[in-house]
Structures are given as structure tokens and as C-alpha cells.
Amino acid sequence: MWARISTYEGSPDSIDESVTYARETILPKARQLAGYRGIYLVADRQTGKSLSITLWDREDDLRASEAEADRLREDASDHVGDTIAGVERFEVVLHEFT
């Protein structure tokens, strides 16, 4: 499994709007991408910093989704006024869901 982690900086007041936008706009589009396995959106309500972590079956799936992910990330940050602080890719070497 592979993960793309995007870091955003914005206003603490925009977190709820970011969640709504992700749920209503990003998720339906992400679910259509080959190899998509899920997403986590985590936020610090005091600083406004947030991270989205998308999960992918294979590295090839993650790489094939780059252009669409770039577009969705830009749309989301523009919608709520966040700044994209970084994007990183990792192999998930351990995971557990209970």
C-alpha cells in the first residue's frame, strides 16, 4: 500500500468547510480512481494546519493519480483559502485497523 500526504495551512475557521468540501466533492472523484483505498483528513483546530492522507493499492496507482490529485488539491485549497504547504509520497510499511 502507498500513501500521498498533503499538508495544508489555513484558518482554523475553515476546517469544517474543508471537511464538507472533501466529503461532497473530493471523495466521489477519488473513489473513481484506480487503486484508491481511502482517505484520512486530520486537522489542528487551533492552528488551522491539516493533512490529507490518501491510500493506494500500488505505487503505480498512486503515480497514475498524480494529475487528478494535483487538480483536486488545488480546487480544495482554492475553495477554502488554504495554502498547500507540501505533498509527499510514502510506502505504507505497517498498518492496522481495528
Protein backbone atom coordinates (compact mmCIF):
# COMPACT_ATOMS: atom_id res chain seq x y z
CA MET A 1 0.00 0.00 0.00
CA TRP A 2 1.11 3.58 -0.71
CA ALA A 3 0.16 6.97 0.76
CA ARG A 4 0.16 10.52 -0.50
CA ILE A 5 0.29 13.06 2.31
CA SER A 6 -0.67 16.64 1.52
CA THR A 7 -0.10 19.38 4.10
CA TYR A 8 -2.29 22.48 4.18
CA GLU A 9 -2.07 25.71 6.15
CA GLY A 10 -5.16 27.79 6.62
CA SER A 11 -7.55 29.39 9.04
CA PRO A 12 -8.91 27.31 11.92
CA ASP A 13 -12.31 28.71 10.91
CA SER A 14 -12.15 26.94 7.52
CA ILE A 15 -11.71 23.39 8.83
CA ASP A 16 -15.40 22.48 8.86
CA GLU A 17 -15.80 23.88 5.35
CA SER A 18 -12.78 21.82 4.25
CA VAL A 19 -14.35 18.66 5.65
CA THR A 20 -17.65 19.36 3.89
CA TYR A 21 -15.88 20.06 0.60
CA ALA A 22 -13.81 16.88 0.91
CA ARG A 23 -16.88 14.78 1.69
CA GLU A 24 -19.07 16.22 -1.06
CA THR A 25 -16.56 16.93 -3.84
CA ILE A 26 -13.23 15.16 -3.33
CA LEU A 27 -14.43 11.75 -2.14
CA PRO A 28 -16.76 10.99 -5.06
CA LYS A 29 -13.97 11.79 -7.54
CA ALA A 30 -11.25 9.95 -5.60
CA ARG A 31 -13.39 6.81 -5.41
CA GLN A 32 -13.34 6.65 -9.21
CA LEU A 33 -9.53 6.46 -9.40
CA ALA A 34 -7.89 3.07 -9.91
CA GLY A 35 -6.29 1.69 -6.75
CA TYR A 36 -7.85 4.22 -4.38
CA ARG A 37 -8.21 2.66 -0.91
CA GLY A 38 -9.27 5.51 1.37
CA ILE A 39 -8.54 8.88 2.89
CA TYR A 40 -7.82 10.41 6.26
CA LEU A 41 -8.21 14.12 6.82
CA VAL A 42 -6.67 15.28 10.08
CA ALA A 43 -6.67 18.83 11.39
CA ASP A 44 -5.44 21.02 14.20
CA ARG A 45 -8.36 23.30 15.06
CA GLN A 46 -6.07 25.69 16.95
CA THR A 47 -3.56 26.35 14.16
CA GLY A 48 -5.60 25.56 11.04
CA LYS A 49 -2.97 23.10 9.79
CA SER A 50 -4.35 19.95 8.19
CA LEU A 51 -3.12 16.83 6.44
CA SER A 52 -4.87 14.64 3.91
CA ILE A 53 -3.60 11.10 3.65
CA THR A 54 -4.83 9.15 0.65
CA LEU A 55 -4.14 5.43 0.40
CA TRP A 56 -3.43 3.48 -2.79
CA ASP A 57 -3.09 -0.21 -3.58
CA ARG A 58 0.15 0.10 -5.53
CA GLU A 59 2.80 2.69 -6.28
CA ASP A 60 1.68 2.63 -9.93
CA ASP A 61 -1.85 3.58 -8.83
CA LEU A 62 -0.54 6.46 -6.75
CA ARG A 63 1.61 7.71 -9.64
CA ALA A 64 -1.22 7.34 -12.17
CA SER A 65 -3.45 9.51 -9.96
CA GLU A 66 -0.98 12.41 -9.69
CA ALA A 67 -2.55 14.75 -12.25
CA GLU A 68 -6.07 14.34 -10.88
CA ALA A 69 -4.79 14.60 -7.29
CA ASP A 70 -2.99 17.85 -8.15
CA ARG A 71 -6.20 19.26 -9.61
CA LEU A 72 -8.36 18.17 -6.68
CA ARG A 73 -5.83 19.51 -4.17
CA GLU A 74 -5.70 22.90 -5.92
CA ASP A 75 -9.50 23.08 -6.17
CA ALA A 76 -9.90 22.26 -2.47
CA SER A 77 -7.29 24.75 -1.29
CA ASP A 78 -8.71 27.49 -3.54
CA HIS A 79 -12.25 26.77 -2.29
CA VAL A 80 -11.40 27.33 1.38
CA GLY A 81 -8.41 29.67 1.03
CA ASP A 82 -5.77 27.26 2.31
CA THR A 83 -2.15 27.13 1.21
CA ILE A 84 -0.66 23.83 0.07
CA ALA A 85 2.48 23.54 2.19
CA GLY A 86 3.71 20.23 0.79
CA VAL A 87 3.00 16.89 -0.84
CA GLU A 88 4.90 13.70 -0.04
CA ARG A 89 4.60 10.06 -1.01
CA PHE A 90 5.38 7.06 1.16
CA GLU A 91 5.14 3.31 1.15
CA VAL A 92 2.90 2.15 3.98
CA VAL A 93 5.08 -0.40 5.73
CA LEU A 94 2.76 -1.14 8.67
CA HIS A 95 -0.93 -0.56 9.18
CA GLU A 96 -3.65 -1.91 11.42
CA PHE A 97 -7.34 -1.18 11.52
CA THR A 98 -9.40 -2.40 14.45
